[in-house]
Amino acid sequence: MAKEKPRTKVVPSSGNVFADLGITNAEEKQTKVRLAFAINQIIANKRLSQASAARSLEVNQPKISALRNYQLEGFSVERLMNFLTALDRDVEIVIRPKAKSRKTARILVTAA
């Protein structure tokens, strides 16, 4: 008779992997990652080298390398939003009441 495998408990995601892992400042970290993802997509779609992206964003090339590797400790949310406007993207911030179905309010970043 075959041994029965132990059951793994499956827990649904909150939608924020950082919060699910219990990391502090989870909302800010997720916001930074989503902004960086949008920036990296734009740079890739424009086929910019790291050097030319650095010139466009008025930073040095190692900052672009850090951004591409999602090493975001040295970047504020505001700075990342400024990078998006430097890349000819509008950034909209919409404030509204939280959904009653959620316990806490959230920060959500979506790219169009």
PDB file of N, CA and C in Angstrom:
ATOM      1  N   MET A   1       0.834  -1.176   0.000  1.00  0.00           N
ATOM      2  CA  MET A   1       0.000   0.000   0.000  1.00  0.00           C
ATOM      3  C   MET A   1       0.884   1.248   0.000  1.00  0.00           C
ATOM      4  N   ALA A   2       0.540   2.225  -0.827  1.00  0.00           N
ATOM      5  CA  ALA A   2       1.325   3.456  -0.938  1.00  0.00           C
ATOM      6  C   ALA A   2       1.118   4.346   0.275  1.00  0.00           C
ATOM      7  N   LYS A   3       2.221   5.007   0.666  1.00  0.00           N
ATOM      8  CA  LYS A   3       2.124   5.948   1.787  1.00  0.00           C
ATOM      9  C   LYS A   3       1.356   7.186   1.356  1.00  0.00           C
ATOM     10  N   GLU A   4       0.566   7.701   2.258  1.00  0.00           N
ATOM     11  CA  GLU A   4      -0.194   8.913   1.976  1.00  0.00           C
ATOM     12  C   GLU A   4       0.705  10.116   2.256  1.00  0.00           C
ATOM     13  N   LYS A   5       0.751  11.063   1.322  1.00  0.00           N
ATOM     14  CA  LYS A   5       1.567  12.263   1.490  1.00  0.00           C
ATOM     15  C   LYS A   5       0.904  13.189   2.503  1.00  0.00           C
ATOM     16  N   PRO A   6       1.712  13.849   3.320  1.00  0.00           N
ATOM     17  CA  PRO A   6       1.118  14.809   4.249  1.00  0.00           C
ATOM     18  C   PRO A   6       0.496  15.968   3.463  1.00  0.00           C
ATOM     19  N   ARG A   7      -0.629  16.430   3.947  1.00  0.00           N
ATOM     20  CA  ARG A   7      -1.326  17.522   3.257  1.00  0.00           C
ATOM     21  C   ARG A   7      -0.653  18.853   3.566  1.00  0.00           C
ATOM     22  N   THR A   8      -0.481  19.645   2.543  1.00  0.00           N
ATOM     23  CA  THR A   8       0.070  20.983   2.688  1.00  0.00           C
ATOM     24  C   THR A   8      -1.082  21.953   2.819  1.00  0.00           C
ATOM     25  N   LYS A   9      -0.988  22.817   3.807  1.00  0.00           N
ATOM     26  CA  LYS A   9      -2.033  23.812   4.006  1.00  0.00           C
ATOM     27  C   LYS A   9      -1.846  24.933   2.989  1.00  0.00           C
ATOM     28  N   VAL A  10      -2.888  25.221   2.254  1.00  0.00           N
ATOM     29  CA  VAL A  10      -2.854  26.279   1.259  1.00  0.00           C
ATOM     30  C   VAL A  10      -3.571  27.488   1.841  1.00  0.00           C
ATOM     31  N   VAL A  11      -2.862  28.610   1.824  1.00  0.00           N
ATOM     32  CA  VAL A  11      -3.426  29.855   2.349  1.00  0.00           C
ATOM     33  C   VAL A  11      -3.554  30.825   1.185  1.00  0.00           C
ATOM     34  N   PRO A  12      -4.743  31.398   0.965  1.00  0.00           N
ATOM     35  CA  PRO A  12      -4.891  32.342  -0.140  1.00  0.00           C
ATOM     36  C   PRO A  12      -4.044  33.593   0.081  1.00  0.00           C
ATOM     37  N   SER A  13      -3.538  34.145  -0.995  1.00  0.00           N
ATOM     38  CA  SER A  13      -2.717  35.354  -0.931  1.00  0.00           C
ATOM     39  C   SER A  13      -3.574  36.576  -0.614  1.00  0.00           C
ATOM     40  N   SER A  14      -2.959  37.508   0.062  1.00  0.00           N
ATOM     41  CA  SER A  14      -3.619  38.785   0.333  1.00  0.00           C
ATOM     42  C   SER A  14      -3.540  39.699  -0.885  1.00  0.00           C
ATOM     43  N   GLY A  15      -2.718  39.319  -1.866  1.00  0.00           N
ATOM     44  CA  GLY A  15      -2.465  40.172  -3.018  1.00  0.00           C
ATOM     45  C   GLY A  15      -1.152  40.926  -2.883  1.00  0.00           C
ATOM     46  N   ASN A  16      -0.526  40.830  -1.703  1.00  0.00           N
ATOM     47  CA  ASN A  16       0.759  41.472  -1.472  1.00  0.00           C
ATOM     48  C   ASN A  16       1.697  40.424  -0.888  1.00  0.00           C
ATOM     49  N   VAL A  17       2.622  39.949  -1.693  1.00  0.00           N
ATOM     50  CA  VAL A  17       3.532  38.890  -1.261  1.00  0.00           C
ATOM     51  C   VAL A  17       4.367  39.325  -0.065  1.00  0.00           C
ATOM     52  N   PHE A  18       4.702  40.621   0.006  1.00  0.00           N
ATOM     53  CA  PHE A  18       5.503  41.106   1.130  1.00  0.00           C
ATOM     54  C   PHE A  18       4.718  41.015   2.435  1.00  0.00           C
ATOM     55  N   ALA A  19       3.436  41.353   2.389  1.00  0.00           N
ATOM     56  CA  ALA A  19       2.580  41.235   3.576  1.00  0.00           C
ATOM     57  C   ALA A  19       2.412  39.761   3.939  1.00  0.00           C
ATOM     58  N   ASP A  20       2.229  38.922   2.940  1.00  0.00           N
ATOM     59  CA  ASP A  20       2.063  37.490   3.191  1.00  0.00           C
ATOM     60  C   ASP A  20       3.287  36.896   3.890  1.00  0.00           C
ATOM     61  N   LEU A  21       4.460  37.441   3.590  1.00  0.00           N
ATOM     62  CA  LEU A  21       5.697  36.957   4.204  1.00  0.00           C
ATOM     63  C   LEU A  21       5.998  37.650   5.529  1.00  0.00           C
ATOM     64  N   GLY A  22       5.141  38.600   5.919  1.00  0.00           N
ATOM     65  CA  GLY A  22       5.321  39.299   7.193  1.00  0.00           C
ATOM     66  C   GLY A  22       6.418  40.345   7.177  1.00  0.00           C
ATOM     67  N   ILE A  23       6.750  40.862   6.010  1.00  0.00           N
ATOM     68  CA  ILE A  23       7.807  41.860   5.875  1.00  0.00           C
ATOM     69  C   ILE A  23       7.261  43.236   6.254  1.00  0.00           C
ATOM     70  N   THR A  24       8.061  43.995   6.987  1.00  0.00           N
ATOM     71  CA  THR A  24       7.634  45.345   7.372  1.00  0.00           C
ATOM     72  C   THR A  24       7.585  46.248   6.147  1.00  0.00           C
ATOM     73  N   ASN A  25       6.749  47.255   6.201  1.00  0.00           N
ATOM     74  CA  ASN A  25       6.547  48.206   5.098  1.00  0.00           C
ATOM     75  C   ASN A  25       6.140  47.501   3.808  1.00  0.00           C
ATOM     76  N   ALA A  26       5.285  46.509   3.934  1.00  0.00           N
ATOM     77  CA  ALA A  26       4.889  45.684   2.788  1.00  0.00           C
ATOM     78  C   ALA A  26       4.231  46.499   1.689  1.00  0.00           C
ATOM     79  N   GLU A  27       3.353  47.429   2.053  1.00  0.00           N
ATOM     80  CA  GLU A  27       2.659  48.234   1.027  1.00  0.00           C
ATOM     81  C   GLU A  27       3.660  49.070   0.234  1.00  0.00           C
ATOM     82  N   GLU A  28       4.617  49.690   0.937  1.00  0.00           N
ATOM     83  CA  GLU A  28       5.623  50.509   0.256  1.00  0.00           C
ATOM     84  C   GLU A  28       6.497  49.652  -0.649  1.00  0.00           C
ATOM     85  N   LYS A  29       6.897  48.487  -0.175  1.00  0.00           N
ATOM     86  CA  LYS A  29       7.742  47.603  -0.988  1.00  0.00           C
ATOM     87  C   LYS A  29       7.005  47.152  -2.251  1.00  0.00           C
ATOM     88  N   GLN A  30       5.744  46.785  -2.114  1.00  0.00           N
ATOM     89  CA  GLN A  30       4.986  46.361  -3.281  1.00  0.00           C
ATOM     90  C   GLN A  30       4.808  47.525  -4.260  1.00  0.00           C
ATOM     91  N   THR A  31       4.551  48.710  -3.738  1.00  0.00           N
ATOM     92  CA  THR A  31       4.407  49.887  -4.597  1.00  0.00           C
ATOM     93  C   THR A  31       5.690  50.141  -5.371  1.00  0.00           C
ATOM     94  N   LYS A  32       6.823  50.081  -4.696  1.00  0.00           N
ATOM     95  CA  LYS A  32       8.110  50.301  -5.363  1.00  0.00           C
ATOM     96  C   LYS A  32       8.350  49.257  -6.457  1.00  0.00           C
ATOM     97  N   VAL A  33       8.049  47.999  -6.159  1.00  0.00           N
ATOM     98  CA  VAL A  33       8.270  46.941  -7.152  1.00  0.00           C
ATOM     99  C   VAL A  33       7.393  47.166  -8.373  1.00  0.00           C
ATOM    100  N   ARG A  34       6.146  47.526  -8.157  1.00  0.00           N
ATOM    101  CA  ARG A  34       5.260  47.740  -9.309  1.00  0.00           C
ATOM    102  C   ARG A  34       5.689  48.945 -10.137  1.00  0.00           C
ATOM    103  N   LEU A  35       6.141  50.014  -9.467  1.00  0.00           N
ATOM    104  CA  LEU A  35       6.646  51.181 -10.200  1.00  0.00           C
ATOM    105  C   LEU A  35       7.920  50.814 -10.961  1.00  0.00           C
ATOM    106  N   ALA A  36       8.824  50.088 -10.307  1.00  0.00           N
ATOM    107  CA  ALA A  36      10.065  49.668 -10.966  1.00  0.00           C
ATOM    108  C   ALA A  36       9.774  48.755 -12.152  1.00  0.00           C
ATOM    109  N   PHE A  37       8.799  47.875 -12.004  1.00  0.00           N
ATOM    110  CA  PHE A  37       8.425  46.991 -13.111  1.00  0.00           C
ATOM    111  C   PHE A  37       7.967  47.816 -14.319  1.00  0.00           C
ATOM    112  N   ALA A  38       7.141  48.829 -14.074  1.00  0.00           N
ATOM    113  CA  ALA A  38       6.666  49.690 -15.163  1.00  0.00           C
ATOM    114  C   ALA A  38       7.841  50.422 -15.810  1.00  0.00           C
ATOM    115  N   ILE A  39       8.742  50.944 -14.996  1.00  0.00           N
ATOM    116  CA  ILE A  39       9.918  51.649 -15.530  1.00  0.00           C
ATOM    117  C   ILE A  39      10.765  50.705 -16.371  1.00  0.00           C
ATOM    118  N   ASN A  40      11.018  49.510 -15.850  1.00  0.00           N
ATOM    119  CA  ASN A  40      11.837  48.539 -16.590  1.00  0.00           C
ATOM    120  C   ASN A  40      11.189  48.129 -17.905  1.00  0.00           C
ATOM    121  N   GLN A  41       9.873  48.002 -17.914  1.00  0.00           N
ATOM    122  CA  GLN A  41       9.174  47.675 -19.170  1.00  0.00           C
ATOM    123  C   GLN A  41       9.327  48.799 -20.185  1.00  0.00           C
ATOM    124  N   ILE A  42       9.186  50.037 -19.744  1.00  0.00           N
ATOM    125  CA  ILE A  42       9.310  51.181 -20.653  1.00  0.00           C
ATOM    126  C   ILE A  42      10.722  51.242 -21.226  1.00  0.00           C
ATOM    127  N   ILE A  43      11.728  51.077 -20.359  1.00  0.00           N
ATOM    128  CA  ILE A  43      13.119  51.098 -20.820  1.00  0.00           C
ATOM    129  C   ILE A  43      13.349  49.987 -21.839  1.00  0.00           C
ATOM    130  N   ALA A  44      12.826  48.803 -21.575  1.00  0.00           N
ATOM    131  CA  ALA A  44      12.992  47.674 -22.505  1.00  0.00           C
ATOM    132  C   ALA A  44      12.256  47.939 -23.820  1.00  0.00           C
ATOM    133  N   ASN A  45      11.027  48.452 -23.724  1.00  0.00           N
ATOM    134  CA  ASN A  45      10.243  48.721 -24.945  1.00  0.00           C
ATOM    135  C   ASN A  45      10.886  49.798 -25.806  1.00  0.00           C
ATOM    136  N   LYS A  46      11.543  50.768 -25.167  1.00  0.00           N
ATOM    137  CA  LYS A  46      12.244  51.819 -25.914  1.00  0.00           C
ATOM    138  C   LYS A  46      13.632  51.362 -26.365  1.00  0.00           C
ATOM    139  N   ARG A  47      14.015  50.161 -25.921  1.00  0.00           N
ATOM    140  CA  ARG A  47      15.323  49.583 -26.244  1.00  0.00           C
ATOM    141  C   ARG A  47      16.475  50.513 -25.842  1.00  0.00           C
ATOM    142  N   LEU A  48      16.343  51.076 -24.648  1.00  0.00           N
ATOM    143  CA  LEU A  48      17.379  51.962 -24.135  1.00  0.00           C
ATOM    144  C   LEU A  48      18.458  51.138 -23.446  1.00  0.00           C
ATOM    145  N   SER A  49      19.695  51.500 -23.681  1.00  0.00           N
ATOM    146  CA  SER A  49      20.776  50.882 -22.919  1.00  0.00           C
ATOM    147  C   SER A  49      20.728  51.447 -21.503  1.00  0.00           C
ATOM    148  N   GLN A  50      21.445  50.813 -20.601  1.00  0.00           N
ATOM    149  CA  GLN A  50      21.487  51.344 -19.237  1.00  0.00           C
ATOM    150  C   GLN A  50      22.081  52.753 -19.225  1.00  0.00           C
ATOM    151  N   ALA A  51      23.074  52.995 -20.052  1.00  0.00           N
ATOM    152  CA  ALA A  51      23.704  54.317 -20.105  1.00  0.00           C
ATOM    153  C   ALA A  51      22.735  55.374 -20.610  1.00  0.00           C
ATOM    154  N   SER A  52      21.984  55.074 -21.675  1.00  0.00           N
ATOM    155  CA  SER A  52      21.046  56.070 -22.200  1.00  0.00           C
ATOM    156  C   SER A  52      19.852  56.243 -21.261  1.00  0.00           C
ATOM    157  N   ALA A  53      19.420  55.176 -20.606  1.00  0.00           N
ATOM    158  CA  ALA A  53      18.350  55.302 -19.617  1.00  0.00           C
ATOM    159  C   ALA A  53      18.825  56.184 -18.459  1.00  0.00           C
ATOM    160  N   ALA A  54      20.061  56.001 -18.052  1.00  0.00           N
ATOM    161  CA  ALA A  54      20.625  56.814 -16.962  1.00  0.00           C
ATOM    162  C   ALA A  54      20.635  58.290 -17.345  1.00  0.00           C
ATOM    163  N   ARG A  55      21.003  58.590 -18.588  1.00  0.00           N
ATOM    164  CA  ARG A  55      20.989  59.998 -19.045  1.00  0.00           C
ATOM    165  C   ARG A  55      19.564  60.544 -19.031  1.00  0.00           C
ATOM    166  N   SER A  56      18.613  59.765 -19.507  1.00  0.00           N
ATOM    167  CA  SER A  56      17.215  60.205 -19.538  1.00  0.00           C
ATOM    168  C   SER A  56      16.664  60.466 -18.139  1.00  0.00           C
ATOM    169  N   LEU A  57      17.088  59.660 -17.177  1.00  0.00           N
ATOM    170  CA  LEU A  57      16.564  59.772 -15.821  1.00  0.00           C
ATOM    171  C   LEU A  57      17.468  60.600 -14.906  1.00  0.00           C
ATOM    172  N   GLU A  58      18.578  61.094 -15.482  1.00  0.00           N
ATOM    173  CA  GLU A  58      19.534  61.936 -14.760  1.00  0.00           C
ATOM    174  C   GLU A  58      20.089  61.253 -13.511  1.00  0.00           C
ATOM    175  N   VAL A  59      20.481  59.990 -13.701  1.00  0.00           N
ATOM    176  CA  VAL A  59      21.147  59.226 -12.646  1.00  0.00           C
ATOM    177  C   VAL A  59      22.351  58.543 -13.277  1.00  0.00           C
ATOM    178  N   ASN A  60      23.177  57.903 -12.450  1.00  0.00           N
ATOM    179  CA  ASN A  60      24.298  57.175 -13.025  1.00  0.00           C
ATOM    180  C   ASN A  60      23.867  55.752 -13.407  1.00  0.00           C
ATOM    181  N   GLN A  61      24.685  55.121 -14.227  1.00  0.00           N
ATOM    182  CA  GLN A  61      24.350  53.790 -14.743  1.00  0.00           C
ATOM    183  C   GLN A  61      24.167  52.753 -13.644  1.00  0.00           C
ATOM    184  N   PRO A  62      24.962  52.770 -12.567  1.00  0.00           N
ATOM    185  CA  PRO A  62      24.724  51.778 -11.508  1.00  0.00           C
ATOM    186  C   PRO A  62      23.325  51.873 -10.887  1.00  0.00           C
ATOM    187  N   LYS A  63      22.736  53.059 -10.866  1.00  0.00           N
ATOM    188  CA  LYS A  63      21.363  53.195 -10.360  1.00  0.00           C
ATOM    189  C   LYS A  63      20.382  52.458 -11.279  1.00  0.00           C
ATOM    190  N   ILE A  64      20.616  52.525 -12.580  1.00  0.00           N
ATOM    191  CA  ILE A  64      19.755  51.816 -13.533  1.00  0.00           C
ATOM    192  C   ILE A  64      19.933  50.311 -13.353  1.00  0.00           C
ATOM    193  N   SER A  65      21.161  49.878 -13.127  1.00  0.00           N
ATOM    194  CA  SER A  65      21.408  48.463 -12.881  1.00  0.00           C
ATOM    195  C   SER A  65      20.668  47.997 -11.622  1.00  0.00           C
ATOM    196  N   ALA A  66      20.727  48.792 -10.563  1.00  0.00           N
ATOM    197  CA  ALA A  66      20.009  48.448  -9.326  1.00  0.00           C
ATOM    198  C   ALA A  66      18.507  48.383  -9.586  1.00  0.00           C
ATOM    199  N   LEU A  67      17.997  49.338 -10.340  1.00  0.00           N
ATOM    200  CA  LEU A  67      16.571  49.369 -10.676  1.00  0.00           C
ATOM    201  C   LEU A  67      16.176  48.128 -11.479  1.00  0.00           C
ATOM    202  N   ARG A  68      16.986  47.767 -12.447  1.00  0.00           N
ATOM    203  CA  ARG A  68      16.703  46.585 -13.276  1.00  0.00           C
ATOM    204  C   ARG A  68      16.723  45.306 -12.468  1.00  0.00           C
ATOM    205  N   ASN A  69      17.508  45.282 -11.382  1.00  0.00           N
ATOM    206  CA  ASN A  69      17.607  44.107 -10.531  1.00  0.00           C
ATOM    207  C   ASN A  69      16.717  44.212  -9.298  1.00  0.00           C
ATOM    208  N   TYR A  70      15.832  45.206  -9.295  1.00  0.00           N
ATOM    209  CA  TYR A  70      14.855  45.406  -8.217  1.00  0.00           C
ATOM    210  C   TYR A  70      15.521  45.551  -6.848  1.00  0.00           C
ATOM    211  N   GLN A  71      16.686  46.160  -6.842  1.00  0.00           N
ATOM    212  CA  GLN A  71      17.356  46.532  -5.589  1.00  0.00           C
ATOM    213  C   GLN A  71      16.920  47.964  -5.295  1.00  0.00           C
ATOM    214  N   LEU A  72      15.809  48.103  -4.612  1.00  0.00           N
ATOM    215  CA  LEU A  72      15.092  49.379  -4.552  1.00  0.00           C
ATOM    216  C   LEU A  72      15.274  50.142  -3.246  1.00  0.00           C
ATOM    217  N   GLU A  73      16.209  49.716  -2.394  1.00  0.00           N
ATOM    218  CA  GLU A  73      16.393  50.369  -1.107  1.00  0.00           C
ATOM    219  C   GLU A  73      16.713  51.856  -1.253  1.00  0.00           C
ATOM    220  N   GLY A  74      17.457  52.232  -2.280  1.00  0.00           N
ATOM    221  CA  GLY A  74      17.869  53.625  -2.463  1.00  0.00           C
ATOM    222  C   GLY A  74      16.874  54.479  -3.238  1.00  0.00           C
ATOM    223  N   PHE A  75      15.689  53.956  -3.507  1.00  0.00           N
ATOM    224  CA  PHE A  75      14.699  54.675  -4.303  1.00  0.00           C
ATOM    225  C   PHE A  75      13.439  54.915  -3.474  1.00  0.00           C
ATOM    226  N   SER A  76      12.964  56.143  -3.478  1.00  0.00           N
ATOM    227  CA  SER A  76      11.675  56.435  -2.841  1.00  0.00           C
ATOM    228  C   SER A  76      10.568  56.255  -3.874  1.00  0.00           C
ATOM    229  N   VAL A  77       9.350  56.131  -3.394  1.00  0.00           N
ATOM    230  CA  VAL A  77       8.196  56.047  -4.295  1.00  0.00           C
ATOM    231  C   VAL A  77       8.132  57.306  -5.147  1.00  0.00           C
ATOM    232  N   GLU A  78       8.384  58.453  -4.535  1.00  0.00           N
ATOM    233  CA  GLU A  78       8.344  59.718  -5.278  1.00  0.00           C
ATOM    234  C   GLU A  78       9.387  59.736  -6.398  1.00  0.00           C
ATOM    235  N   ARG A  79      10.575  59.271  -6.110  1.00  0.00           N
ATOM    236  CA  ARG A  79      11.625  59.259  -7.128  1.00  0.00           C
ATOM    237  C   ARG A  79      11.246  58.342  -8.289  1.00  0.00           C
ATOM    238  N   LEU A  80      10.686  57.186  -7.984  1.00  0.00           N
ATOM    239  CA  LEU A  80      10.262  56.265  -9.042  1.00  0.00           C
ATOM    240  C   LEU A  80       9.155  56.881  -9.894  1.00  0.00           C
ATOM    241  N   MET A  81       8.240  57.606  -9.265  1.00  0.00           N
ATOM    242  CA  MET A  81       7.186  58.283 -10.035  1.00  0.00           C
ATOM    243  C   MET A  81       7.793  59.374 -10.918  1.00  0.00           C
ATOM    244  N   ASN A  82       8.804  60.062 -10.423  1.00  0.00           N
ATOM    245  CA  ASN A  82       9.484  61.069 -11.241  1.00  0.00           C
ATOM    246  C   ASN A  82      10.189  60.430 -12.429  1.00  0.00           C
ATOM    247  N   PHE A  83      10.740  59.228 -12.248  1.00  0.00           N
ATOM    248  CA  PHE A  83      11.340  58.510 -13.375  1.00  0.00           C
ATOM    249  C   PHE A  83      10.283  58.240 -14.443  1.00  0.00           C
ATOM    250  N   LEU A  84       9.093  57.857 -14.021  1.00  0.00           N
ATOM    251  CA  LEU A  84       8.022  57.588 -14.984  1.00  0.00           C
ATOM    252  C   LEU A  84       7.659  58.842 -15.778  1.00  0.00           C
ATOM    253  N   THR A  85       7.579  59.984 -15.107  1.00  0.00           N
ATOM    254  CA  THR A  85       7.258  61.215 -15.854  1.00  0.00           C
ATOM    255  C   THR A  85       8.406  61.593 -16.782  1.00  0.00           C
ATOM    256  N   ALA A  86       9.646  61.310 -16.374  1.00  0.00           N
ATOM    257  CA  ALA A  86      10.797  61.566 -17.249  1.00  0.00           C
ATOM    258  C   ALA A  86      10.758  60.663 -18.480  1.00  0.00           C
ATOM    259  N   LEU A  87      10.080  59.526 -18.357  1.00  0.00           N
ATOM    260  CA  LEU A  87       9.920  58.597 -19.484  1.00  0.00           C
ATOM    261  C   LEU A  87       8.610  58.844 -20.228  1.00  0.00           C
ATOM    262  N   ASP A  88       8.072  60.049 -20.092  1.00  0.00           N
ATOM    263  CA  ASP A  88       6.858  60.489 -20.800  1.00  0.00           C
ATOM    264  C   ASP A  88       5.615  59.704 -20.416  1.00  0.00           C
ATOM    265  N   ARG A  89       5.486  59.377 -19.149  1.00  0.00           N
ATOM    266  CA  ARG A  89       4.286  58.711 -18.658  1.00  0.00           C
ATOM    267  C   ARG A  89       3.610  59.607 -17.634  1.00  0.00           C
ATOM    268  N   ASP A  90       2.295  59.645 -17.684  1.00  0.00           N
ATOM    269  CA  ASP A  90       1.522  60.334 -16.653  1.00  0.00           C
ATOM    270  C   ASP A  90       1.371  59.391 -15.473  1.00  0.00           C
ATOM    271  N   VAL A  91       1.407  59.937 -14.282  1.00  0.00           N
ATOM    272  CA  VAL A  91       1.179  59.169 -13.065  1.00  0.00           C
ATOM    273  C   VAL A  91      -0.030  59.781 -12.385  1.00  0.00           C
ATOM    274  N   GLU A  92      -1.063  58.988 -12.154  1.00  0.00           N
ATOM    275  CA  GLU A  92      -2.274  59.461 -11.491  1.00  0.00           C
ATOM    276  C   GLU A  92      -2.388  58.807 -10.131  1.00  0.00           C
ATOM    277  N   ILE A  93      -2.743  59.610  -9.144  1.00  0.00           N
ATOM    278  CA  ILE A  93      -2.995  59.082  -7.810  1.00  0.00           C
ATOM    279  C   ILE A  93      -4.467  59.323  -7.524  1.00  0.00           C
ATOM    280  N   VAL A  94      -5.196  58.255  -7.239  1.00  0.00           N
ATOM    281  CA  VAL A  94      -6.626  58.344  -6.974  1.00  0.00           C
ATOM    282  C   VAL A  94      -6.858  57.926  -5.527  1.00  0.00           C
ATOM    283  N   ILE A  95      -7.549  58.763  -4.781  1.00  0.00           N
ATOM    284  CA  ILE A  95      -7.849  58.466  -3.382  1.00  0.00           C
ATOM    285  C   ILE A  95      -9.345  58.259  -3.257  1.00  0.00           C
ATOM    286  N   ARG A  96      -9.725  57.106  -2.659  1.00  0.00           N
ATOM    287  CA  ARG A  96     -11.137  56.790  -2.491  1.00  0.00           C
ATOM    288  C   ARG A  96     -11.321  55.974  -1.217  1.00  0.00           C
ATOM    289  N   PRO A  97     -12.551  55.898  -0.730  1.00  0.00           N
ATOM    290  CA  PRO A  97     -12.789  55.083   0.463  1.00  0.00           C
ATOM    291  C   PRO A  97     -12.451  53.620   0.179  1.00  0.00           C
ATOM    292  N   LYS A  98     -11.951  52.921   1.182  1.00  0.00           N
ATOM    293  CA  LYS A  98     -11.625  51.498   1.002  1.00  0.00           C
ATOM    294  C   LYS A  98     -12.911  50.704   0.865  1.00  0.00           C
ATOM    295  N   ALA A  99     -12.785  49.566   0.214  1.00  0.00           N
ATOM    296  CA  ALA A  99     -13.934  48.673   0.066  1.00  0.00           C
ATOM    297  C   ALA A  99     -14.308  48.116   1.438  1.00  0.00           C
ATOM    298  N   LYS A 100     -15.587  48.018   1.708  1.00  0.00           N
ATOM    299  CA  LYS A 100     -16.052  47.499   2.995  1.00  0.00           C
ATOM    300  C   LYS A 100     -15.679  46.037   3.186  1.00  0.00           C
ATOM    301  N   SER A 101     -15.426  45.343   2.088  1.00  0.00           N
ATOM    302  CA  SER A 101     -15.081  43.923   2.170  1.00  0.00           C
ATOM    303  C   SER A 101     -13.653  43.695   2.666  1.00  0.00           C
ATOM    304  N   ARG A 102     -12.824  44.741   2.674  1.00  0.00           N
ATOM    305  CA  ARG A 102     -11.447  44.607   3.149  1.00  0.00           C
ATOM    306  C   ARG A 102     -11.305  45.183   4.543  1.00  0.00           C
ATOM    307  N   LYS A 103     -10.437  44.553   5.353  1.00  0.00           N
ATOM    308  CA  LYS A 103     -10.211  45.016   6.716  1.00  0.00           C
ATOM    309  C   LYS A 103      -9.424  46.328   6.728  1.00  0.00           C
ATOM    310  N   THR A 104      -8.403  46.410   5.892  1.00  0.00           N
ATOM    311  CA  THR A 104      -7.533  47.582   5.879  1.00  0.00           C
ATOM    312  C   THR A 104      -7.499  48.209   4.492  1.00  0.00           C
ATOM    313  N   ALA A 105      -7.137  49.488   4.476  1.00  0.00           N
ATOM    314  CA  ALA A 105      -6.968  50.200   3.204  1.00  0.00           C
ATOM    315  C   ALA A 105      -5.661  49.733   2.567  1.00  0.00           C
ATOM    316  N   ARG A 106      -5.480  50.016   1.300  1.00  0.00           N
ATOM    317  CA  ARG A 106      -4.291  49.565   0.596  1.00  0.00           C
ATOM    318  C   ARG A 106      -3.810  50.620  -0.383  1.00  0.00           C
ATOM    319  N   ILE A 107      -2.607  50.410  -0.864  1.00  0.00           N
ATOM    320  CA  ILE A 107      -2.042  51.207  -1.950  1.00  0.00           C
ATOM    321  C   ILE A 107      -1.967  50.284  -3.145  1.00  0.00           C
ATOM    322  N   LEU A 108      -2.476  50.737  -4.280  1.00  0.00           N
ATOM    323  CA  LEU A 108      -2.511  49.897  -5.465  1.00  0.00           C
ATOM    324  C   LEU A 108      -1.887  50.661  -6.634  1.00  0.00           C
ATOM    325  N   VAL A 109      -0.957  50.030  -7.290  1.00  0.00           N
ATOM    326  CA  VAL A 109      -0.313  50.611  -8.471  1.00  0.00           C
ATOM    327  C   VAL A 109      -0.651  49.735  -9.649  1.00  0.00           C
ATOM    328  N   THR A 110      -1.207  50.338 -10.698  1.00  0.00           N
ATOM    329  CA  THR A 110      -1.482  49.600 -11.922  1.00  0.00           C
ATOM    330  C   THR A 110      -0.871  50.369 -13.091  1.00  0.00           C
ATOM    331  N   ALA A 111      -0.401  49.651 -14.057  1.00  0.00           N
ATOM    332  CA  ALA A 111       0.165  50.270 -15.248  1.00  0.00           C
ATOM    333  C   ALA A 111      -0.786  50.031 -16.410  1.00  0.00           C
ATOM    334  N   ALA A 112      -1.027  51.085 -17.156  1.00  0.00           N
ATOM    335  CA  ALA A 112      -1.926  50.974 -18.307  1.00  0.00           C
ATOM    336  C   ALA A 112      -1.167  50.542 -19.537  1.00  0.00           C
TER     337      ALA A 112
END
